[in-house]
Amino acid sequence: MTVLAKYQRVRKHSLHLCSHLITEDFSLQASEEVSPPKWHLAHTTWFFEQFILVPKDPSYEVKHPQFNFLFNSYYNSLGARTARNQRGLMSRPSVEEVKVYRAYVDDAMQKLIQKNNAEINELVTLGLNHEQQHQELLITDLKYSLWFNPLNPSVMDIQEYGSEPNSKWVSVDAGVYEIGYTGNDFCYDNELNPHKVYLNDFAISTALVTNQEYLEFMNAGGYENPTYWHDEGWAWVKELQVKAPLYWEMKDASWVYYTLDGLKSITPEAALSHVNFYEASAYAAWKGMRLPTEFEWEVAQDQFDWGQRWEWTNSAYLPYPGFKVAPGAIGEYNGKFMVNQMVLRGASVATSEGHSRPTYRNFFHPKYRWQFMGIRLAKSL
């Protein structure tokens, strides 16, 4: 597929994700951590404008200079920006104006892409992967914001809870293994450089933890017993009085959860979702096991199916040997977050097609759980 065809496909998909939304949905922002659909549509457009059109196309004219303030995310070197918790307050520009902005930038981008410049094509590929990240965030952010609506609105069906296969254990022998991306296609800078790690003997489950299995932890008093929890995790449980995964609630003596397709009864055999690192670690401790490291996960991933949930690992998000922050604003993309984050591997039901690979390093603070986050167990041998 050509760069131009990829550009058109990815940009079209962002709008498709919003096809069942009403105008009021586009500005929903239920917390600082999530962003409104309208902001995602505009920010991904701003990315192409500011990182490609402005510096690379002398003929390009910025129609809305204030959009740089409104739709910058965290790029400090590109100037002041709207406070993250105020993105949902922007009733202007309208949804239609944002769509016109997208079309204006798309027209200029498509003309530039047709010049077939290698440097520009590389930046376009980064921009498309950036937009695919925001497509997943658009889905998960929207779910979180809609969850507060007592009407339990249904806006899309992405088959959030399918059945997990029967679990088996696969063993991996101790040894030295190579970690990191080695191909010729796109990857993020945090997946480079390939390097060797030594692993002890370990085993890893071929299936994710299911809702039923996690219910057993809950029913056994898992949220009431501090011995399973990290100290910070236990403080989180006590402060927020957490009793269940995100979106779960008890109705008529039965557990239900909110999905983007409305309120559903818990599917016992489905893969658990929306638990944070604290919960994942506590469950593993209750089982007398542990979470895999990101290196164990990468070495073993070809022995099990993955892609339904982002899977917590017991690895802090740190740079690989030889990692260097890229110059300029692009350098703010990954490197600035390498503190107080844990790595997740895999992909999820919300991940865009073509946006997953075994070396992909997702990362979030341990307290967050609004993504489709799940648990795969490991144990030392």
Protein backbone atom coordinates (compact mmCIF):
# COMPACT_ATOMS: atom_id res chain seq x y z
CA MET A 1 0.00 0.00 0.00
CA THR A 2 1.33 3.42 -0.92
CA VAL A 3 1.98 6.13 1.66
CA LEU A 4 -0.88 8.14 0.19
CA ALA A 5 -3.31 5.20 0.42
CA LYS A 6 -2.27 4.57 4.04
CA TYR A 7 -2.77 8.23 4.84
CA GLN A 8 -6.25 8.24 3.38
CA ARG A 9 -7.23 5.00 5.12
CA VAL A 10 -6.05 6.05 8.59
CA ARG A 11 -7.57 9.52 8.37
CA LYS A 12 -10.89 8.11 7.20
CA HIS A 13 -10.98 5.60 10.05
CA SER A 14 -10.81 8.33 12.70
CA LEU A 15 -13.99 9.85 11.33
CA HIS A 16 -15.60 6.42 11.04
CA LEU A 17 -15.09 5.86 14.77
CA CYS A 18 -17.26 8.92 15.39
CA SER A 19 -20.00 7.98 12.93
CA HIS A 20 -22.54 7.05 15.61
CA LEU A 21 -21.89 9.99 17.91
CA ILE A 22 -24.24 12.91 18.38
CA THR A 23 -22.85 16.43 18.45
CA GLU A 24 -22.88 16.61 22.26
CA ASP A 25 -20.71 13.47 22.52
CA PHE A 26 -17.79 15.18 20.77
CA SER A 27 -16.99 17.43 23.74
CA LEU A 28 -17.24 14.92 26.58
CA GLN A 29 -14.35 14.89 29.04
CA ALA A 30 -15.05 13.15 32.34
CA SER A 31 -11.57 13.55 33.84
CA GLU A 32 -8.18 15.10 33.18
CA GLU A 33 -6.79 11.80 31.91
CA VAL A 34 -9.24 11.51 29.00
CA SER A 35 -9.84 13.82 26.06
CA PRO A 36 -12.96 14.60 24.00
CA PRO A 37 -13.42 13.01 20.55
CA LYS A 38 -13.35 16.47 18.96
CA TRP A 39 -9.97 17.18 20.50
CA HIS A 40 -8.53 13.87 19.22
CA LEU A 41 -9.74 14.65 15.69
CA ALA A 42 -8.19 18.11 15.83
CA HIS A 43 -4.96 17.18 17.62
CA THR A 44 -4.03 14.46 15.13
CA THR A 45 -4.60 16.99 12.36
CA TRP A 46 -2.52 19.60 14.19
CA PHE A 47 0.30 17.01 14.38
CA PHE A 48 0.51 16.76 10.57
CA GLU A 49 0.26 20.52 10.23
CA GLN A 50 2.91 21.46 12.78
CA PHE A 51 5.42 18.66 12.24
CA ILE A 52 5.20 18.34 8.45
CA LEU A 53 3.34 21.10 6.61
CA VAL A 54 4.70 24.13 8.48
CA PRO A 55 8.39 23.13 8.33
CA LYS A 56 8.36 21.23 5.01
CA ASP A 57 5.90 23.02 2.71
CA PRO A 58 6.73 26.71 2.07
CA SER A 59 3.44 27.18 0.22
CA TYR A 60 1.31 26.02 3.15
CA GLU A 61 -0.76 28.69 4.89
CA VAL A 62 -1.91 28.17 8.49
CA LYS A 63 -5.56 29.22 8.52
CA HIS A 64 -6.07 29.08 12.29
CA PRO A 65 -2.95 30.11 14.27
CA GLN A 66 -4.86 29.75 17.57
CA PHE A 67 -5.32 26.04 16.91
CA ASN A 68 -1.68 25.62 17.91
CA PHE A 69 -2.69 26.62 21.44
CA LEU A 70 -5.94 24.65 21.45
CA PHE A 71 -4.68 21.33 20.07
CA ASN A 72 -1.10 20.97 21.22
CA SER A 73 -0.91 18.10 23.69
CA TYR A 74 2.36 18.11 25.64
CA TYR A 75 4.98 19.52 23.24
CA ASN A 76 6.48 22.25 25.38
CA SER A 77 8.89 23.36 22.66
CA LEU A 78 5.92 24.27 20.41
CA GLY A 79 4.52 26.83 22.80
CA ALA A 80 1.75 27.31 25.34
CA ARG A 81 -1.30 25.09 25.21
CA THR A 82 -4.74 24.51 26.67
CA ALA A 83 -4.65 22.91 30.12
CA ARG A 84 -5.34 19.21 29.76
CA ASN A 85 -8.32 19.26 32.11
CA GLN A 86 -9.95 22.05 30.06
CA ARG A 87 -10.09 20.36 26.66
CA GLY A 88 -13.77 19.57 27.14
CA LEU A 89 -14.62 23.24 27.74
CA MET A 90 -13.93 24.21 24.14
CA SER A 91 -17.36 24.56 22.56
CA ARG A 92 -15.60 26.46 19.79
CA PRO A 93 -14.42 25.51 17.22
CA SER A 94 -17.47 23.43 16.42
CA VAL A 95 -17.35 19.81 15.33
CA GLU A 96 -18.02 20.88 11.75
CA GLU A 97 -15.21 23.43 11.90
CA VAL A 98 -12.83 20.72 13.09
CA LYS A 99 -13.89 18.51 10.17
CA VAL A 100 -13.26 21.41 7.78
CA TYR A 101 -9.83 21.83 9.40
CA ARG A 102 -9.11 18.14 8.84
CA ALA A 103 -10.13 18.42 5.19
CA TYR A 104 -7.96 21.52 4.69
CA VAL A 105 -4.88 19.83 6.15
CA ASP A 106 -5.63 16.58 4.32
CA ASP A 107 -5.72 18.40 0.99
CA ALA A 108 -2.32 19.97 1.62
CA MET A 109 -0.86 16.73 2.98
CA GLN A 110 -1.98 14.66 0.02
CA LYS A 111 -0.38 17.10 -2.40
CA LEU A 112 2.85 16.97 -0.40
CA ILE A 113 2.85 13.17 -0.16
CA GLN A 114 2.53 12.90 -3.94
CA LYS A 115 5.98 14.49 -4.27
CA ASN A 116 7.34 11.20 -2.86
CA ASN A 117 10.03 12.72 -0.67
CA ALA A 118 11.68 10.09 1.56
CA GLU A 119 12.06 12.37 4.59
CA ILE A 120 8.45 13.50 4.35
CA ASN A 121 7.23 9.92 3.91
CA GLU A 122 9.03 8.96 7.11
CA LEU A 123 7.36 11.79 9.02
CA VAL A 124 3.98 10.87 7.53
CA THR A 125 4.41 7.30 8.75
CA LEU A 126 5.12 8.59 12.25
CA GLY A 127 2.05 10.83 12.03
CA LEU A 128 -0.15 7.92 10.95
CA ASN A 129 1.05 5.76 13.83
CA HIS A 130 0.45 8.70 16.15
CA GLU A 131 -3.10 8.99 14.82
CA GLN A 132 -3.67 5.26 15.33
CA GLN A 133 -2.64 5.69 18.95
CA HIS A 134 -5.24 8.42 19.26
CA GLN A 135 -7.87 6.27 17.57
CA GLU A 136 -7.52 3.83 20.46
CA LEU A 137 -7.54 6.67 22.96
CA LEU A 138 -10.63 8.13 21.33
CA ILE A 139 -12.43 4.81 21.93
CA THR A 140 -11.28 4.33 25.51
CA ASP A 141 -11.66 8.00 26.49
CA LEU A 142 -15.17 8.04 25.07
CA LYS A 143 -16.08 4.88 26.99
CA TYR A 144 -14.94 6.45 30.24
CA SER A 145 -16.91 9.65 29.67
CA LEU A 146 -20.08 7.86 28.55
CA TRP A 147 -19.91 5.60 31.62
CA PHE A 148 -21.14 8.48 33.77
CA ASN A 149 -24.36 8.69 31.76
CA PRO A 150 -27.13 6.71 33.53
CA LEU A 151 -28.70 6.00 30.12
CA ASN A 152 -25.79 3.62 29.40
CA PRO A 153 -25.54 4.77 25.77
CA SER A 154 -24.55 2.36 23.01
CA VAL A 155 -22.30 3.92 20.36
CA MET A 156 -20.23 1.04 18.92
CA ASP A 157 -19.68 -2.69 19.27
CA ILE A 158 -16.02 -3.70 19.23
CA GLN A 159 -16.63 -7.12 20.81
CA GLU A 160 -15.01 -6.12 24.07
CA TYR A 161 -15.49 -9.45 25.84
CA GLY A 162 -14.81 -12.59 23.83
CA SER A 163 -14.11 -16.03 25.33
CA GLU A 164 -10.58 -16.90 26.38
CA PRO A 165 -9.09 -20.31 25.42
CA ASN A 166 -8.27 -22.89 28.06
CA SER A 167 -5.11 -21.93 29.88
CA LYS A 168 -1.88 -23.90 29.63
CA TRP A 169 1.60 -23.19 30.83
CA VAL A 170 4.57 -22.93 28.50
CA SER A 171 8.11 -23.07 29.81
CA VAL A 172 11.06 -21.03 28.60
CA ASP A 173 14.61 -22.14 29.33
CA ALA A 174 17.14 -19.86 30.93
CA GLY A 175 19.46 -18.15 28.52
CA VAL A 176 20.47 -15.01 26.71
CA TYR A 177 17.83 -13.55 24.39
CA GLU A 178 17.71 -10.57 22.05
CA ILE A 179 15.11 -7.91 22.83
CA GLY A 180 13.93 -5.04 20.65
CA TYR A 181 12.84 -4.31 17.11
CA THR A 182 15.04 -5.63 14.28
CA GLY A 183 12.88 -5.21 11.16
CA ASN A 184 12.79 -2.58 8.43
CA ASP A 185 9.24 -1.31 8.95
CA PHE A 186 8.10 1.39 11.33
CA CYS A 187 8.70 1.16 15.06
CA TYR A 188 8.93 3.73 17.84
CA ASP A 189 12.29 4.85 19.14
CA ASN A 190 11.63 3.21 22.51
CA GLU A 191 11.74 -0.23 20.79
CA LEU A 192 15.33 0.36 19.68
CA ASN A 193 18.15 -0.70 20.04
CA PRO A 194 18.17 -4.52 19.94
CA HIS A 195 20.11 -5.82 22.92
CA LYS A 196 20.74 -8.98 24.89
CA VAL A 197 19.14 -9.90 28.22
CA TYR A 198 19.60 -12.94 30.41
CA LEU A 199 16.46 -14.69 31.64
CA ASN A 200 16.11 -17.39 34.26
CA ASP A 201 13.83 -20.38 33.68
CA PHE A 202 10.19 -19.30 33.75
CA ALA A 203 6.72 -20.36 32.68
CA ILE A 204 3.94 -18.18 31.31
CA SER A 205 0.22 -18.77 30.86
CA THR A 206 -1.15 -19.11 27.34
CA ALA A 207 -4.42 -17.43 28.36
CA LEU A 208 -5.34 -14.19 30.04
CA VAL A 209 -7.02 -14.12 33.44
CA THR A 210 -10.79 -14.30 32.97
CA ASN A 211 -13.63 -12.45 34.67
CA GLN A 212 -14.56 -15.61 36.56
CA GLU A 213 -11.04 -16.08 37.85
CA TYR A 214 -10.88 -12.50 39.02
CA LEU A 215 -14.29 -12.83 40.67
CA GLU A 216 -12.80 -15.59 42.80
CA PHE A 217 -10.14 -13.14 43.96
CA MET A 218 -12.82 -10.57 44.77
CA ASN A 219 -15.00 -13.10 46.60
CA ALA A 220 -12.00 -14.29 48.59
CA GLY A 221 -11.54 -10.78 50.00
CA GLY A 222 -8.75 -9.75 47.65
CA TYR A 223 -9.62 -6.06 47.96
CA GLU A 224 -9.71 -6.30 51.76
CA ASN A 225 -6.37 -8.05 52.36
CA PRO A 226 -3.32 -5.73 52.33
CA THR A 227 -0.83 -8.61 52.15
CA TYR A 228 -1.34 -8.94 48.37
CA TRP A 229 -0.85 -5.29 47.55
CA HIS A 230 2.03 -2.93 46.98
CA ASP A 231 1.96 -0.21 49.62
CA GLU A 232 1.05 2.42 47.04
CA GLY A 233 -1.62 0.12 45.64
CA TRP A 234 -3.15 -0.49 49.04
CA ALA A 235 -3.28 3.25 49.67
CA TRP A 236 -5.10 3.61 46.32
CA VAL A 237 -7.63 0.91 47.29
CA LYS A 238 -8.34 2.50 50.67
CA GLU A 239 -8.54 6.07 49.39
CA LEU A 240 -10.98 5.27 46.57
CA GLN A 241 -12.73 2.33 48.29
CA VAL A 242 -12.17 0.14 45.24
CA LYS A 243 -14.06 -3.16 45.23
CA ALA A 244 -14.00 -4.26 41.58
CA PRO A 245 -12.50 -3.49 38.15
CA LEU A 246 -13.46 -0.26 36.41
CA TYR A 247 -16.98 -0.24 34.89
CA TRP A 248 -18.20 -3.11 37.11
CA GLU A 249 -21.26 -2.55 39.30
CA MET A 250 -23.66 -4.73 41.23
CA LYS A 251 -27.28 -4.79 40.06
CA ASP A 252 -29.90 -7.12 41.53
CA ALA A 253 -27.20 -9.19 43.25
CA SER A 254 -25.32 -9.75 39.96
CA TRP A 255 -22.27 -8.09 38.47
CA VAL A 256 -22.68 -6.09 35.25
CA TYR A 257 -20.29 -3.83 33.38
CA TYR A 258 -20.59 -0.91 31.04
CA THR A 259 -19.40 -1.40 27.46
CA LEU A 260 -19.53 0.88 24.45
CA ASP A 261 -22.46 -1.30 23.36
CA GLY A 262 -24.35 -0.59 26.58
CA LEU A 263 -24.66 -2.31 29.95
CA LYS A 264 -23.94 -6.07 29.85
CA SER A 265 -23.95 -8.96 32.28
CA ILE A 266 -20.49 -10.18 33.20
CA THR A 267 -19.22 -12.84 30.79
CA PRO A 268 -17.39 -15.29 33.08
CA GLU A 269 -15.16 -16.83 30.40
CA ALA A 270 -14.12 -13.51 28.85
CA ALA A 271 -10.72 -11.93 29.43
CA LEU A 272 -10.68 -9.56 32.38
CA SER A 273 -10.23 -5.91 31.49
CA HIS A 274 -9.82 -2.46 33.03
CA VAL A 275 -7.58 -3.35 35.96
CA ASN A 276 -4.51 -1.35 36.86
CA PHE A 277 -1.00 -2.49 37.74
CA TYR A 278 -1.84 -2.55 41.44
CA GLU A 279 -4.78 -4.88 40.86
CA ALA A 280 -2.85 -7.06 38.44
CA SER A 281 0.02 -7.46 40.90
CA ALA A 282 -2.32 -8.17 43.81
CA TYR A 283 -4.16 -10.86 41.86
CA ALA A 284 -0.88 -12.49 40.85
CA ALA A 285 0.30 -12.46 44.48
CA TRP A 286 -3.01 -14.02 45.60
CA LYS A 287 -2.41 -16.81 43.09
CA GLY A 288 1.13 -17.31 44.36
CA MET A 289 2.52 -16.17 41.02
CA ARG A 290 3.69 -12.94 39.41
CA LEU A 291 3.44 -10.78 36.33
CA PRO A 292 5.96 -11.46 33.53
CA THR A 293 8.66 -8.95 32.81
CA GLU A 294 8.40 -7.24 29.45
CA PHE A 295 11.42 -9.26 28.29
CA GLU A 296 9.85 -12.57 29.29
CA TRP A 297 6.67 -11.55 27.48
CA GLU A 298 8.53 -10.67 24.29
CA VAL A 299 10.55 -13.89 24.28
CA ALA A 300 7.48 -16.09 24.88
CA GLN A 301 4.81 -14.21 22.88
CA ASP A 302 4.96 -16.49 19.84
CA GLN A 303 3.71 -19.36 22.02
CA PHE A 304 0.33 -17.80 22.83
CA ASP A 305 -2.32 -15.61 21.23
CA TRP A 306 -2.32 -11.96 22.22
CA GLY A 307 -4.07 -8.78 21.17
CA GLN A 308 -7.28 -8.68 23.21
CA ARG A 309 -5.82 -6.75 26.15
CA TRP A 310 -2.83 -4.63 26.91
CA GLU A 311 -0.99 -6.87 29.35
CA TRP A 312 0.68 -5.46 32.44
CA THR A 313 4.28 -6.48 32.94
CA ASN A 314 6.47 -6.16 36.00
CA SER A 315 8.88 -3.88 34.14
CA ALA A 316 9.35 -0.18 34.68
CA TYR A 317 9.34 1.91 31.51
CA LEU A 318 13.03 2.66 31.02
CA PRO A 319 15.24 3.39 28.01
CA TYR A 320 16.95 0.54 26.20
CA PRO A 321 20.77 0.67 26.01
CA GLY A 322 21.86 3.37 23.61
CA PHE A 323 18.51 5.19 23.58
CA LYS A 324 18.82 8.85 22.64
CA VAL A 325 16.12 11.48 22.66
CA ALA A 326 15.50 12.75 19.14
CA PRO A 327 16.27 16.44 18.52
CA GLY A 328 13.48 19.00 18.49
CA ALA A 329 9.84 18.57 19.45
CA ILE A 330 9.75 14.98 18.11
CA GLY A 331 12.10 14.12 20.97
CA GLU A 332 9.27 14.81 23.41
CA TYR A 333 7.31 11.84 22.05
CA ASN A 334 8.54 8.95 24.24
CA GLY A 335 11.68 9.75 26.16
CA LYS A 336 10.13 12.36 28.47
CA PHE A 337 7.81 9.73 29.95
CA MET A 338 10.49 7.31 31.11
CA VAL A 339 9.75 7.74 34.82
CA ASN A 340 7.00 6.42 37.12
CA GLN A 341 5.43 4.29 34.37
CA MET A 342 5.00 0.54 33.90
CA VAL A 343 5.23 -1.28 30.58
CA LEU A 344 2.30 -3.07 28.96
CA ARG A 345 2.74 -5.41 26.02
CA GLY A 346 0.43 -6.72 23.31
CA ALA A 347 -2.56 -4.78 21.96
CA SER A 348 -6.29 -4.55 22.65
CA VAL A 349 -9.70 -4.82 21.04
CA ALA A 350 -9.50 -1.05 20.56
CA THR A 351 -6.10 -1.08 18.84
CA SER A 352 -6.23 -0.04 15.20
CA GLU A 353 -5.46 -2.59 12.52
CA GLY A 354 -1.75 -2.76 11.75
CA HIS A 355 -0.75 -0.99 14.93
CA SER A 356 0.65 -3.88 16.96
CA ARG A 357 3.87 -5.88 17.02
CA PRO A 358 5.72 -8.07 19.56
CA THR A 359 8.21 -5.33 20.44
CA TYR A 360 5.63 -2.55 21.02
CA ARG A 361 6.11 -0.92 24.44
CA ASN A 362 2.98 0.72 25.77
CA PHE A 363 3.24 2.46 29.14
CA PHE A 364 1.01 3.95 31.81
CA HIS A 365 1.19 4.98 35.43
CA PRO A 366 0.30 2.05 37.73
CA LYS A 367 -2.98 3.65 38.87
CA TYR A 368 -4.61 3.95 35.45
CA ARG A 369 -7.11 1.38 34.20
CA TRP A 370 -9.38 3.01 31.63
CA GLN A 371 -7.52 1.26 28.79
CA PHE A 372 -8.33 -2.35 27.93
CA MET A 373 -5.76 -3.66 30.39
CA GLY A 374 -5.57 -7.31 31.45
CA ILE A 375 -3.45 -9.90 33.23
CA ARG A 376 -1.26 -12.76 32.05
CA LEU A 377 0.42 -14.75 34.81
CA ALA A 378 3.98 -16.00 34.98
CA LYS A 379 6.02 -17.99 37.47
CA SER A 380 9.66 -18.73 38.09
CA LEU A 381 10.87 -22.30 37.73
